[in-house]
Amino acid sequence: MASKAGTVNPSTKVLNKLAKVTEKNDPIKPELYSKYNVKRGLRYADGTGVLVGLTHIGDVVGYEADGDEIIPVPGRLVYRGYNVEDIIKDAEKNNQFGFEQVVYLLLFGQLPNAKQLQEFTQYMGECRVLPSNFTEDMIMKAPSKDIMNKIARGVLASYSYDENPEDRSVQNILRQCIELTARFSTLAAYGYQAKRRYYDDTSMFIHNPVPNLSTAENFLRLIRPDTKYTKLEAETLDLALILHAEHGGGNNSSLTVHVVSSADTDTYSAIAAAVGSLKGRRHGGANIRVMEMMDDIKANVKNWADENEVADYLRKISKKEAFDHTGLIYGMGHAVYTISDPREVLLKAKAKQLAKEKGKEWVKEFNLYDAVERLAPQVIAEVHHSNKRICANVDLYSGFVYTMLGIPRELYTPIFAISRIAGWSAHRIEEVVAGGRIYRPAYKCVSAERKFVPLTERK
């Protein structure tokens, strides 16, 4: 920060000097990780995750093992033993929104019957309204440029509005989790409205949640000035919420819930930590990188229908000659899925349907995404001389879908949180019930002991 005279603030000078000392002091030689057989990122050398726990909640299937042979299979996403595709098909058949049913399944381990679903949906609807004065005191008076930080603050602030925040009984934790799951969409929407008012200098619209509406309907209602939305728009967002609700215990934010919960802390601390994890650009922010890449492609490819031109530009991206020069084609590849990401397959079909409803320009853009999906694996294999099978992941189309829904980019990751709070809640309860041990992984110190030098003798 510069002063009025143009000189650097003295405290900034000190901080810059200290930062250089820190950068020089902390690097660890890469070969030491191999020497000590460190599983960096809790992964083995082949990229598969280190087994650190057991779960009943969800499973991610991309390959099957036949002895020592790994056989790629079409991806499956499983919630409590049920294929998510079956849940979605049944909800569509019965003309229902499915996210609330998924929340019930993840929390209670069984599919609800019609009466149970109706009672639970009503209960969630009643919990969407924030506590008295919460909006004014905790959201409007301290707006944030980043909505994820606002959600995390809202979660922690909820502790102060809870008459029994420290009770670790399953019943009390369940109450807290259901209330947070119901309120996340309200926290995100109101946080966005406050951000619009204070940082974007635009009008702010505060609408009350409607108890008998689904999570998807309420969210669209809360972020739009006129509260209007089409049935297909709500169905599309509902699908996205279902697909992001859980993804096995090994993802970073769900692991965070387990780790923090294992320390025997309160629900609000555990969930706020998960929000911080999901905010990370390596986790929940991936679809924004896809959108930035697609913006770049749209600006530099003159004829979107010319697949040769599209492939040529993807080749430049892969060779680190274009876009962000990382060589990554975002939205392609997954740690587990090989042949297909079931979330991407389902969301792509809905994206195509929504694009047709929105008009031919959106169809044109959908076709560009489809071309990237088909051409990128070939380009990656060619540039990197790899025969590894790569499929598109859900991030390729999720941002595009949100754009068609008129949802601004600063809400993309919050939507992920609105959905994933369901899985986090289930993992929080599972850790409290079945864990019983604090997570304490080992770190090997690779620095030598040094002889102490008294202050008066230091240079």
Protein backbone atom coordinates (compact mmCIF):
# COMPACT_ATOMS: atom_id res chain seq x y z
CA MET A 1 0.00 0.00 0.00
CA ALA A 2 1.42 3.41 -0.94
CA SER A 3 1.09 6.56 1.18
CA LYS A 4 -0.09 9.91 -0.17
CA ALA A 5 3.54 10.90 -0.76
CA GLY A 6 4.04 7.81 -2.90
CA THR A 7 6.34 6.05 -0.44
CA VAL A 8 5.76 2.53 0.79
CA ASN A 9 4.10 2.22 4.19
CA PRO A 10 6.73 1.18 6.79
CA SER A 11 4.64 -1.78 7.95
CA THR A 12 4.44 -2.98 4.35
CA LYS A 13 8.23 -2.82 4.07
CA VAL A 14 8.57 -5.00 7.15
CA LEU A 15 5.95 -7.46 5.89
CA ASN A 16 7.64 -7.75 2.48
CA LYS A 17 10.96 -8.50 4.17
CA LEU A 18 9.39 -11.11 6.44
CA ALA A 19 7.59 -12.74 3.51
CA LYS A 20 10.90 -13.23 1.70
CA VAL A 21 12.37 -14.90 4.79
CA THR A 22 9.35 -17.21 5.01
CA GLU A 23 9.47 -18.17 1.31
CA LYS A 24 13.15 -19.01 1.60
CA ASN A 25 12.74 -20.99 4.82
CA ASP A 26 9.82 -23.34 4.09
CA PRO A 27 10.43 -25.19 0.77
CA ILE A 28 11.02 -28.94 1.10
CA LYS A 29 13.07 -30.79 -1.51
CA PRO A 30 10.74 -32.89 -3.72
CA GLU A 31 12.99 -35.95 -3.53
CA LEU A 32 12.40 -36.18 0.23
CA TYR A 33 8.75 -37.10 -0.37
CA SER A 34 9.88 -40.17 -2.31
CA LYS A 35 12.65 -40.98 0.16
CA TYR A 36 10.22 -41.17 3.06
CA ASN A 37 7.34 -42.65 1.02
CA VAL A 38 5.06 -39.72 1.81
CA LYS A 39 1.54 -39.99 0.39
CA ARG A 40 1.25 -36.37 -0.77
CA GLY A 41 -2.33 -35.19 -0.82
CA LEU A 42 -3.25 -38.52 0.84
CA ARG A 43 -2.73 -40.17 -2.54
CA TYR A 44 -0.66 -43.09 -3.71
CA ALA A 45 1.76 -42.63 -6.62
CA ASP A 46 -0.93 -43.75 -9.11
CA GLY A 47 -3.28 -40.97 -7.92
CA THR A 48 -5.70 -43.20 -6.00
CA GLY A 49 -6.67 -42.10 -2.51
CA VAL A 50 -5.19 -43.49 0.69
CA LEU A 51 -7.84 -45.40 2.62
CA VAL A 52 -8.38 -43.47 5.89
CA GLY A 53 -11.95 -44.36 6.82
CA LEU A 54 -15.14 -46.28 6.16
CA THR A 55 -18.54 -44.88 5.26
CA HIS A 56 -22.11 -45.97 4.58
CA ILE A 57 -23.04 -42.65 2.98
CA GLY A 58 -21.85 -42.56 -0.62
CA ASP A 59 -19.70 -44.20 -3.26
CA VAL A 60 -18.05 -43.08 -6.48
CA VAL A 61 -17.45 -45.84 -9.02
CA GLY A 62 -15.30 -45.35 -12.12
CA TYR A 63 -13.51 -48.66 -12.41
CA GLU A 64 -13.61 -52.19 -11.06
CA ALA A 65 -10.75 -54.45 -10.01
CA ASP A 66 -10.30 -57.94 -11.45
CA GLY A 67 -7.34 -59.28 -9.55
CA ASP A 68 -4.49 -56.89 -10.33
CA GLU A 69 -6.28 -55.52 -13.41
CA ILE A 70 -8.20 -52.23 -13.21
CA ILE A 71 -11.17 -52.24 -15.59
CA PRO A 72 -12.76 -48.86 -16.50
CA VAL A 73 -16.57 -48.83 -16.28
CA PRO A 74 -19.24 -46.18 -16.93
CA GLY A 75 -19.33 -43.96 -13.86
CA ARG A 76 -21.86 -44.51 -11.08
CA LEU A 77 -22.72 -42.19 -8.21
CA VAL A 78 -24.26 -44.03 -5.28
CA TYR A 79 -26.09 -42.53 -2.28
CA ARG A 80 -26.66 -44.94 0.63
CA GLY A 81 -26.50 -47.87 -1.80
CA TYR A 82 -28.88 -46.37 -4.38
CA ASN A 83 -27.80 -45.32 -7.85
CA VAL A 84 -28.50 -41.60 -8.15
CA GLU A 85 -29.89 -42.09 -11.66
CA ASP A 86 -32.72 -44.20 -10.22
CA ILE A 87 -33.55 -41.51 -7.65
CA ILE A 88 -33.69 -38.86 -10.37
CA LYS A 89 -35.80 -40.97 -12.72
CA ASP A 90 -38.32 -41.72 -9.97
CA ALA A 91 -38.58 -38.05 -8.98
CA GLU A 92 -39.16 -37.05 -12.61
CA LYS A 93 -41.76 -39.80 -13.04
CA ASN A 94 -43.67 -38.50 -10.02
CA ASN A 95 -43.22 -34.86 -11.09
CA GLN A 96 -41.34 -34.05 -7.89
CA PHE A 97 -38.26 -32.08 -6.95
CA GLY A 98 -35.74 -34.62 -5.71
CA PHE A 99 -33.20 -32.74 -3.61
CA GLU A 100 -35.20 -32.89 -0.38
CA GLN A 101 -35.63 -36.63 -0.85
CA VAL A 102 -31.85 -36.95 -1.26
CA VAL A 103 -31.29 -34.97 1.95
CA TYR A 104 -33.60 -37.37 3.78
CA LEU A 105 -31.81 -40.39 2.31
CA LEU A 106 -28.33 -39.14 3.20
CA LEU A 107 -29.31 -38.23 6.76
CA PHE A 108 -31.45 -41.24 7.64
CA GLY A 109 -30.05 -43.95 5.38
CA GLN A 110 -33.35 -44.91 3.80
CA LEU A 111 -35.71 -43.64 1.14
CA PRO A 112 -38.75 -41.85 2.57
CA ASN A 113 -42.29 -42.93 1.83
CA ALA A 114 -44.75 -40.30 0.64
CA LYS A 115 -45.86 -39.28 4.15
CA GLN A 116 -42.31 -39.13 5.52
CA LEU A 117 -41.16 -37.04 2.56
CA GLN A 118 -44.08 -34.64 2.95
CA GLU A 119 -43.41 -34.16 6.68
CA PHE A 120 -39.67 -33.73 6.16
CA THR A 121 -40.09 -31.29 3.27
CA GLN A 122 -42.49 -29.23 5.38
CA TYR A 123 -40.01 -29.25 8.29
CA MET A 124 -37.19 -28.08 6.02
CA GLY A 125 -39.44 -25.38 4.59
CA GLU A 126 -40.19 -24.04 8.04
CA CYS A 127 -36.46 -23.92 8.83
CA ARG A 128 -35.51 -21.77 5.81
CA VAL A 129 -36.35 -18.49 7.50
CA LEU A 130 -33.35 -17.09 9.35
CA PRO A 131 -33.61 -16.29 13.10
CA SER A 132 -35.03 -12.92 14.15
CA ASN A 133 -32.67 -10.01 13.35
CA PHE A 134 -30.11 -12.40 11.81
CA THR A 135 -30.39 -10.87 8.32
CA GLU A 136 -29.91 -7.31 9.54
CA ASP A 137 -27.21 -7.99 12.13
CA MET A 138 -25.18 -10.80 10.58
CA ILE A 139 -25.57 -10.29 6.82
CA MET A 140 -26.45 -6.69 5.98
CA LYS A 141 -24.11 -5.07 8.51
CA ALA A 142 -21.05 -7.00 7.39
CA PRO A 143 -21.29 -7.74 3.65
CA SER A 144 -18.58 -9.73 1.90
CA LYS A 145 -17.21 -9.66 -1.62
CA ASP A 146 -17.04 -13.44 -1.55
CA ILE A 147 -20.34 -15.20 -0.80
CA MET A 148 -18.60 -18.34 0.51
CA ASN A 149 -16.98 -16.31 3.26
CA LYS A 150 -20.38 -14.80 4.03
CA ILE A 151 -21.89 -18.30 4.30
CA ALA A 152 -19.09 -19.44 6.61
CA ARG A 153 -19.64 -16.40 8.81
CA GLY A 154 -23.37 -17.09 8.79
CA VAL A 155 -22.76 -20.66 9.91
CA LEU A 156 -20.53 -19.56 12.79
CA ALA A 157 -22.96 -16.79 13.74
CA SER A 158 -25.74 -19.38 13.94
CA TYR A 159 -24.01 -20.74 17.04
CA SER A 160 -25.00 -17.56 18.90
CA TYR A 161 -28.66 -18.00 17.90
CA ASP A 162 -28.79 -21.62 19.05
CA GLU A 163 -30.06 -22.17 22.60
CA ASN A 164 -28.19 -25.49 22.80
CA PRO A 165 -25.13 -25.24 20.53
CA GLU A 166 -22.75 -27.52 22.46
CA ASP A 167 -25.00 -30.55 22.90
CA ARG A 168 -23.28 -33.43 21.04
CA SER A 169 -26.26 -35.80 21.15
CA VAL A 170 -27.29 -37.21 17.78
CA GLN A 171 -30.75 -35.69 18.12
CA ASN A 172 -29.35 -32.20 18.66
CA ILE A 173 -26.73 -32.51 15.91
CA LEU A 174 -29.46 -33.73 13.56
CA ARG A 175 -31.57 -30.66 14.38
CA GLN A 176 -28.63 -28.37 13.75
CA CYS A 177 -27.79 -30.07 10.45
CA ILE A 178 -31.36 -29.92 9.13
CA GLU A 179 -31.62 -26.24 10.05
CA LEU A 180 -28.32 -25.44 8.33
CA THR A 181 -29.24 -27.48 5.25
CA ALA A 182 -32.54 -25.61 4.98
CA ARG A 183 -30.95 -22.19 5.55
CA PHE A 184 -27.91 -22.42 3.28
CA SER A 185 -29.88 -21.25 0.24
CA THR A 186 -31.18 -18.27 2.23
CA LEU A 187 -27.70 -17.42 3.56
CA ALA A 188 -26.26 -17.53 0.04
CA ALA A 189 -29.07 -15.50 -1.54
CA TYR A 190 -29.07 -12.80 1.14
CA GLY A 191 -25.28 -12.67 1.13
CA TYR A 192 -25.43 -12.11 -2.62
CA GLN A 193 -28.00 -9.34 -2.25
CA ALA A 194 -25.86 -7.58 0.37
CA LYS A 195 -22.85 -7.88 -1.92
CA ARG A 196 -24.81 -6.34 -4.78
CA ARG A 197 -25.81 -3.39 -2.64
CA TYR A 198 -22.49 -2.59 -1.01
CA TYR A 199 -19.92 -3.66 -3.62
CA ASP A 200 -21.73 -3.55 -6.98
CA ASP A 201 -23.75 -0.40 -6.20
CA THR A 202 -26.94 -2.00 -7.50
CA SER A 203 -30.36 -2.55 -6.00
CA MET A 204 -30.85 -5.15 -3.30
CA PHE A 205 -33.94 -7.36 -3.18
CA ILE A 206 -34.82 -9.25 0.00
CA HIS A 207 -37.66 -11.73 -0.44
CA ASN A 208 -38.90 -14.11 2.22
CA PRO A 209 -38.53 -17.87 1.62
CA VAL A 210 -41.78 -19.72 0.94
CA PRO A 211 -42.04 -22.86 3.13
CA ASN A 212 -43.91 -25.03 0.62
CA LEU A 213 -41.38 -24.46 -2.18
CA SER A 214 -38.37 -26.67 -2.85
CA THR A 215 -34.79 -25.58 -2.23
CA ALA A 216 -34.27 -24.95 -5.96
CA GLU A 217 -37.47 -22.90 -6.28
CA ASN A 218 -36.71 -20.85 -3.20
CA PHE A 219 -33.17 -20.05 -4.30
CA LEU A 220 -34.24 -18.84 -7.75
CA ARG A 221 -37.01 -16.84 -6.10
CA LEU A 222 -34.62 -15.19 -3.63
CA ILE A 223 -31.98 -14.06 -6.13
CA ARG A 224 -34.36 -12.65 -8.75
CA PRO A 225 -35.93 -9.19 -8.46
CA ASP A 226 -39.31 -10.42 -9.71
CA THR A 227 -39.14 -13.83 -7.92
CA LYS A 228 -40.19 -15.52 -11.19
CA TYR A 229 -38.81 -18.75 -12.68
CA THR A 230 -39.99 -21.46 -15.08
CA LYS A 231 -40.64 -25.06 -14.10
CA LEU A 232 -37.74 -26.24 -16.28
CA GLU A 233 -35.38 -23.74 -14.64
CA ALA A 234 -36.28 -25.02 -11.18
CA GLU A 235 -36.02 -28.65 -12.31
CA THR A 236 -32.58 -27.98 -13.78
CA LEU A 237 -31.27 -26.41 -10.58
CA ASP A 238 -32.84 -29.21 -8.54
CA LEU A 239 -30.94 -31.74 -10.66
CA ALA A 240 -27.68 -29.89 -10.06
CA LEU A 241 -28.34 -29.92 -6.31
CA ILE A 242 -29.02 -33.67 -6.34
CA LEU A 243 -25.81 -34.39 -8.27
CA HIS A 244 -23.61 -32.32 -5.96
CA ALA A 245 -25.10 -33.43 -2.64
CA GLU A 246 -22.52 -36.13 -1.91
CA HIS A 247 -19.44 -37.61 -3.56
CA GLY A 248 -17.96 -40.20 -1.24
CA GLY A 249 -16.09 -39.46 1.95
CA GLY A 250 -12.78 -38.83 0.23
CA ASN A 251 -13.39 -35.37 -1.22
CA ASN A 252 -11.59 -32.54 0.56
CA SER A 253 -14.55 -30.84 2.22
CA SER A 254 -16.19 -34.05 3.45
CA LEU A 255 -12.84 -35.18 4.84
CA THR A 256 -12.62 -31.79 6.55
CA VAL A 257 -15.93 -32.48 8.30
CA HIS A 258 -14.62 -35.82 9.54
CA VAL A 259 -11.30 -34.37 10.72
CA VAL A 260 -12.81 -31.40 12.55
CA SER A 261 -15.69 -33.44 13.98
CA SER A 262 -13.22 -36.04 15.29
CA ALA A 263 -11.81 -33.34 17.58
CA ASP A 264 -15.22 -33.30 19.34
CA THR A 265 -16.14 -29.75 18.39
CA ASP A 266 -19.55 -28.25 17.70
CA THR A 267 -21.56 -28.62 14.48
CA TYR A 268 -21.15 -25.00 13.41
CA SER A 269 -17.35 -25.15 13.63
CA ALA A 270 -17.24 -28.37 11.60
CA ILE A 271 -19.55 -27.12 8.85
CA ALA A 272 -17.86 -23.71 8.61
CA ALA A 273 -14.54 -25.49 8.10
CA ALA A 274 -16.06 -27.50 5.25
CA VAL A 275 -17.28 -24.27 3.62
CA GLY A 276 -13.73 -22.96 3.75
CA SER A 277 -12.48 -26.12 2.07
CA LEU A 278 -15.10 -26.00 -0.68
CA LYS A 279 -14.26 -22.38 -1.45
CA GLY A 280 -10.81 -23.48 -2.62
CA ARG A 281 -10.08 -23.17 -6.32
CA ARG A 282 -8.89 -26.79 -6.39
CA HIS A 283 -12.25 -27.96 -5.04
CA GLY A 284 -15.51 -26.06 -5.45
CA GLY A 285 -14.27 -23.32 -7.77
CA ALA A 286 -13.47 -25.58 -10.72
CA ASN A 287 -16.56 -24.69 -12.80
CA ILE A 288 -15.54 -21.03 -12.74
CA ARG A 289 -12.23 -21.99 -14.34
CA VAL A 290 -14.22 -23.82 -17.03
CA MET A 291 -16.27 -20.70 -17.71
CA GLU A 292 -13.15 -18.54 -17.93
CA MET A 293 -11.64 -21.02 -20.38
CA MET A 294 -14.81 -21.09 -22.45
CA ASP A 295 -14.86 -17.28 -22.51
CA ASP A 296 -11.35 -17.43 -23.93
CA ILE A 297 -12.31 -20.05 -26.51
CA LYS A 298 -15.37 -18.07 -27.61
CA ALA A 299 -13.23 -14.97 -28.02
CA ASN A 300 -10.51 -16.68 -30.06
CA VAL A 301 -12.38 -19.26 -32.16
CA LYS A 302 -14.13 -17.38 -34.96
CA ASN A 303 -16.33 -20.22 -36.18
CA TRP A 304 -17.67 -22.25 -33.27
CA ALA A 305 -19.11 -24.82 -35.68
CA ASP A 306 -15.70 -25.51 -37.26
CA GLU A 307 -14.40 -28.46 -35.25
CA ASN A 308 -10.94 -28.19 -36.80
CA GLU A 309 -10.66 -24.61 -35.56
CA VAL A 310 -11.92 -25.62 -32.12
CA ALA A 311 -9.44 -28.50 -31.96
CA ASP A 312 -6.58 -26.24 -33.05
CA TYR A 313 -7.29 -23.83 -30.20
CA LEU A 314 -7.65 -26.66 -27.67
CA ARG A 315 -4.25 -27.82 -28.88
CA LYS A 316 -2.80 -24.40 -28.08
CA ILE A 317 -4.32 -24.52 -24.59
CA SER A 318 -2.92 -28.00 -24.02
CA LYS A 319 0.54 -26.88 -25.20
CA LYS A 320 0.47 -23.95 -22.73
CA GLU A 321 0.31 -21.48 -25.61
CA ALA A 322 -3.14 -20.08 -24.83
CA PHE A 323 -5.57 -19.20 -22.03
CA ASP A 324 -3.81 -19.46 -18.61
CA HIS A 325 -0.72 -21.34 -19.90
CA THR A 326 -1.13 -24.21 -17.44
CA GLY A 327 -1.74 -26.76 -20.20
CA LEU A 328 -5.00 -27.80 -18.55
CA ILE A 329 -8.27 -28.15 -20.42
CA TYR A 330 -10.69 -27.54 -17.57
CA GLY A 331 -13.76 -29.72 -17.26
CA MET A 332 -11.88 -32.76 -18.55
CA GLY A 333 -10.67 -35.68 -16.46
CA HIS A 334 -11.48 -36.99 -13.00
CA ALA A 335 -9.61 -38.81 -10.24
CA VAL A 336 -12.07 -41.73 -10.24
CA TYR A 337 -14.35 -41.58 -13.29
CA THR A 338 -12.81 -43.00 -16.47
CA ILE A 339 -15.38 -43.73 -19.16
CA SER A 340 -17.98 -41.22 -17.97
CA ASP A 341 -18.96 -38.97 -15.09
CA PRO A 342 -22.64 -39.79 -14.40
CA ARG A 343 -23.22 -36.26 -13.09
CA GLU A 344 -21.96 -34.78 -16.36
CA VAL A 345 -24.10 -37.14 -18.45
CA LEU A 346 -27.29 -36.18 -16.58
CA LEU A 347 -26.55 -32.46 -16.39
CA LYS A 348 -25.58 -32.31 -20.06
CA ALA A 349 -28.95 -33.77 -21.09
CA LYS A 350 -30.76 -31.15 -18.99
CA ALA A 351 -28.48 -28.40 -20.34
CA LYS A 352 -29.44 -29.36 -23.89
CA GLN A 353 -33.13 -29.23 -23.00
CA LEU A 354 -32.76 -25.85 -21.28
CA ALA A 355 -30.75 -24.41 -24.19
CA LYS A 356 -33.59 -25.27 -26.57
CA GLU A 357 -36.05 -23.47 -24.31
CA LYS A 358 -33.78 -20.41 -24.08
CA GLY A 359 -33.22 -19.99 -27.84
CA LYS A 360 -30.89 -20.69 -30.77
CA GLU A 361 -27.93 -18.67 -29.44
CA TRP A 362 -27.85 -20.89 -26.37
CA VAL A 363 -28.10 -23.98 -28.59
CA LYS A 364 -25.11 -22.68 -30.56
CA GLU A 365 -23.14 -22.32 -27.34
CA PHE A 366 -24.22 -25.76 -26.12
CA ASN A 367 -22.88 -27.21 -29.36
CA LEU A 368 -19.52 -25.57 -28.66
CA TYR A 369 -19.37 -27.21 -25.23
CA ASP A 370 -20.28 -30.53 -26.84
CA ALA A 371 -17.46 -30.09 -29.35
CA VAL A 372 -14.96 -29.38 -26.58
CA GLU A 373 -16.10 -32.51 -24.76
CA ARG A 374 -15.62 -34.68 -27.85
CA LEU A 375 -12.38 -33.14 -29.11
CA ALA A 376 -10.45 -32.52 -25.88
CA PRO A 377 -9.60 -36.18 -25.09
CA GLN A 378 -8.09 -36.59 -28.57
CA VAL A 379 -6.09 -33.38 -28.25
CA ILE A 380 -4.80 -34.26 -24.77
CA ALA A 381 -3.73 -37.72 -25.92
CA GLU A 382 -1.96 -36.23 -28.93
CA VAL A 383 -0.15 -33.42 -27.11
CA HIS A 384 0.86 -35.38 -24.04
CA HIS A 385 1.44 -38.72 -25.81
CA SER A 386 -0.87 -40.41 -23.36
CA ASN A 387 -3.26 -43.31 -23.75
CA LYS A 388 -4.99 -42.59 -20.46
CA ARG A 389 -8.75 -42.57 -20.82
CA ILE A 390 -10.25 -39.15 -20.06
CA CYS A 391 -13.89 -38.14 -19.81
CA ALA A 392 -15.62 -34.82 -19.21
CA ASN A 393 -16.53 -34.08 -15.61
CA VAL A 394 -19.57 -32.30 -14.17
CA ASP A 395 -17.80 -28.93 -14.09
CA LEU A 396 -17.82 -28.74 -17.90
CA TYR A 397 -21.57 -28.07 -18.01
CA SER A 398 -22.52 -26.88 -14.51
CA GLY A 399 -21.33 -23.29 -15.04
CA PHE A 400 -23.03 -23.18 -18.43
CA VAL A 401 -26.27 -24.34 -16.85
CA TYR A 402 -26.05 -21.70 -14.12
CA THR A 403 -25.41 -19.04 -16.77
CA MET A 404 -28.56 -20.05 -18.64
CA LEU A 405 -30.41 -19.77 -15.33
CA GLY A 406 -29.20 -16.19 -15.00
CA ILE A 407 -27.13 -17.04 -11.92
CA PRO A 408 -23.99 -14.87 -11.54
CA ARG A 409 -20.60 -16.53 -11.21
CA GLU A 410 -20.07 -15.46 -7.62
CA LEU A 411 -22.92 -17.84 -6.73
CA TYR A 412 -21.58 -20.93 -8.53
CA THR A 413 -19.58 -22.26 -5.58
CA PRO A 414 -22.27 -21.25 -3.05
CA ILE A 415 -24.73 -23.41 -5.03
CA PHE A 416 -22.27 -26.28 -4.54
CA ALA A 417 -22.36 -25.57 -0.79
CA ILE A 418 -26.18 -25.38 -0.75
CA SER A 419 -26.14 -28.91 -2.11
CA ARG A 420 -23.12 -30.45 -0.36
CA ILE A 421 -24.28 -29.41 3.12
CA ALA A 422 -26.50 -32.50 2.86
CA GLY A 423 -23.50 -34.79 2.50
CA TRP A 424 -21.48 -32.89 5.09
CA SER A 425 -24.29 -33.30 7.60
CA ALA A 426 -24.42 -37.04 7.03
CA HIS A 427 -20.63 -37.29 7.43
CA ARG A 428 -20.74 -35.16 10.59
CA ILE A 429 -23.25 -37.53 12.18
CA GLU A 430 -21.38 -40.62 10.98
CA GLU A 431 -18.13 -39.38 12.52
CA VAL A 432 -19.81 -38.58 15.85
CA VAL A 433 -21.57 -41.97 15.97
CA ALA A 434 -18.88 -44.26 14.59
CA GLY A 435 -15.58 -42.37 14.68
CA GLY A 436 -14.48 -42.08 18.27
CA ARG A 437 -10.87 -41.16 17.48
CA ILE A 438 -9.26 -37.85 16.63
CA TYR A 439 -7.54 -37.73 13.25
CA ARG A 440 -3.81 -37.40 13.78
CA PRO A 441 -1.76 -38.16 10.65
CA ALA A 442 2.03 -38.28 10.88
CA TYR A 443 4.37 -35.60 9.60
CA LYS A 444 8.10 -36.32 9.57
CA CYS A 445 10.33 -33.40 10.50
CA VAL A 446 13.19 -33.17 7.98
CA SER A 447 15.07 -30.27 9.53
CA ALA A 448 18.19 -30.86 11.63
CA GLU A 449 18.39 -29.79 15.25
CA ARG A 450 20.42 -26.62 15.76
CA LYS A 451 22.48 -25.18 18.58
CA PHE A 452 20.64 -22.32 20.29
CA VAL A 453 22.16 -18.85 19.85
CA PRO A 454 21.42 -16.28 22.59
CA LEU A 455 19.82 -13.04 21.41
CA THR A 456 22.91 -10.96 22.21
CA GLU A 457 25.08 -13.17 19.97
CA ARG A 458 22.83 -13.24 16.91
CA LYS A 459 23.93 -11.34 13.82
